Each structure stands twice: as C-alpha cells, then as structure tokens.
Amino acid sequence: MVSMRVSLPADVLVRRLKTESVLLSLRSEQYFGLDAVGTRMWEVLTTSESVEAACTLLLGEYDVEAAVLRQDALNLIAELVRHGLLETSDE
C-alpha cells in the first residue's frame, strides 16, 4: 500500500453536489454516490502521491484509528475499482 496510487479513469465524470459527489463511468454507465466523508477521502486519494500519503493526511483530519482509516480507504478503492470508477498503480 505504501507505493500504490489511485487515479480517475479518462472516461469517468465527477460532479460535486455541495459536500457530496457522484462518479459516473461513461463506458460502463455505472455510477456511485459519495457522502461528505467519502468525497473527502476520494479527493485526497486521487491527489496524493500514494495511498499511504493520503491516509497520513486524512489521519490529521479525522478522529479515527490508523488501521480503521486504512481499511476504509482500501475498501473504498476496491469498490470504486470494481465499478470502473478508479484505477490503481504501483509506482
């Protein structure tokens, strides 16, 4: 997880609705709604150098145990990848 990065596929659109977001894959027509916490997690994951760096930043923002936050991040990533709404790479 230390070097894993996530990115938004070219065929995915994102719309912010106040504090929430909707992700839509134009290829598969799958969409996914994120609440405020999910949106913040997604934003940090897609703009950080790695998933580990994103988790470190998020730990400073939320009162949660590190292991719980990391597992939540990995669960979100897995779900979005499964729906074609996120890509992962090891760099």
Protein backbone atom coordinates (compact mmCIF):
# COMPACT_ATOMS: atom_id res chain seq x y z
CA MET A 1 0.00 0.00 0.00
CA VAL A 2 2.95 2.34 0.55
CA SER A 3 3.55 2.93 -3.16
CA MET A 4 0.04 2.31 -4.51
CA ARG A 5 -1.54 5.28 -6.27
CA VAL A 6 -5.07 5.81 -7.47
CA SER A 7 -6.30 7.86 -10.39
CA LEU A 8 -9.51 8.71 -12.16
CA PRO A 9 -10.02 6.91 -15.50
CA ALA A 10 -10.42 9.21 -18.52
CA ASP A 11 -13.98 8.03 -19.08
CA VAL A 12 -15.23 8.93 -15.59
CA LEU A 13 -17.08 12.15 -14.82
CA VAL A 14 -17.32 13.63 -11.33
CA ARG A 15 -19.96 16.05 -10.13
CA ARG A 16 -19.85 17.75 -6.75
CA LEU A 17 -23.16 18.41 -5.05
CA LYS A 18 -22.27 20.61 -2.08
CA THR A 19 -20.34 18.21 0.17
CA GLU A 20 -21.22 15.04 -1.75
CA SER A 21 -20.12 13.68 -5.12
CA VAL A 22 -21.37 11.44 -7.89
CA LEU A 23 -18.93 9.49 -10.07
CA LEU A 24 -20.16 8.24 -13.47
CA SER A 25 -18.36 5.88 -15.84
CA LEU A 26 -19.30 6.78 -19.41
CA ARG A 27 -18.03 3.38 -20.58
CA SER A 28 -19.98 1.12 -18.22
CA GLU A 29 -22.70 3.60 -17.24
CA GLN A 30 -22.02 2.70 -13.60
CA TYR A 31 -22.35 5.48 -11.07
CA PHE A 32 -21.55 5.80 -7.41
CA GLY A 33 -22.57 8.39 -4.84
CA LEU A 34 -20.18 9.51 -2.11
CA ASP A 35 -21.20 11.22 1.11
CA ALA A 36 -19.13 14.06 2.58
CA VAL A 37 -16.53 11.77 4.18
CA GLY A 38 -16.30 9.57 1.09
CA THR A 39 -15.88 12.65 -1.09
CA ARG A 40 -13.06 13.98 1.07
CA MET A 41 -11.38 10.57 1.10
CA TRP A 42 -11.72 10.32 -2.71
CA GLU A 43 -10.30 13.82 -3.19
CA VAL A 44 -7.25 13.11 -1.04
CA LEU A 45 -6.68 9.65 -2.54
CA THR A 46 -6.73 10.94 -6.12
CA THR A 47 -4.43 13.90 -5.45
CA SER A 48 -1.83 12.34 -3.14
CA GLU A 49 1.45 10.74 -4.16
CA SER A 50 0.31 7.42 -2.69
CA VAL A 51 -2.48 5.81 -0.73
CA GLU A 52 -0.21 5.82 2.32
CA ALA A 53 0.36 9.60 1.97
CA ALA A 54 -3.40 10.11 1.64
CA CYS A 55 -4.07 8.10 4.78
CA THR A 56 -1.47 10.10 6.71
CA LEU A 57 -3.15 13.35 5.68
CA LEU A 58 -6.63 12.05 6.50
CA LEU A 59 -5.48 10.88 9.94
CA GLY A 60 -4.84 14.54 10.74
CA GLU A 61 -8.40 15.45 9.79
CA TYR A 62 -10.45 12.65 11.37
CA ASP A 63 -10.52 11.19 14.85
CA VAL A 64 -10.09 7.54 13.89
CA GLU A 65 -7.56 4.78 14.46
CA ALA A 66 -4.96 4.45 11.70
CA ALA A 67 -5.83 0.82 10.98
CA VAL A 68 -9.53 1.63 10.64
CA LEU A 69 -8.88 4.55 8.29
CA ARG A 70 -6.51 2.50 6.12
CA GLN A 71 -9.04 -0.33 5.86
CA ASP A 72 -11.84 2.11 5.00
CA ALA A 73 -9.63 3.66 2.29
CA LEU A 74 -8.78 0.24 0.84
CA ASN A 75 -12.45 -0.76 0.90
CA LEU A 76 -13.45 2.43 -0.94
CA ILE A 77 -10.69 1.93 -3.51
CA ALA A 78 -11.70 -1.70 -4.10
CA GLU A 79 -15.36 -0.78 -4.55
CA LEU A 80 -14.61 2.04 -7.00
CA VAL A 81 -12.14 -0.10 -8.97
CA ARG A 82 -14.74 -2.87 -9.17
CA HIS A 83 -17.18 -0.41 -10.77
CA GLY A 84 -14.58 1.04 -13.16
CA LEU A 85 -14.58 4.39 -11.37
CA LEU A 86 -10.95 4.35 -10.18
CA GLU A 87 -7.66 2.86 -11.33
CA THR A 88 -4.69 1.77 -9.24
CA SER A 89 -0.99 1.55 -10.00
CA ASP A 90 2.15 0.72 -8.06
CA GLU A 91 4.88 3.29 -8.55
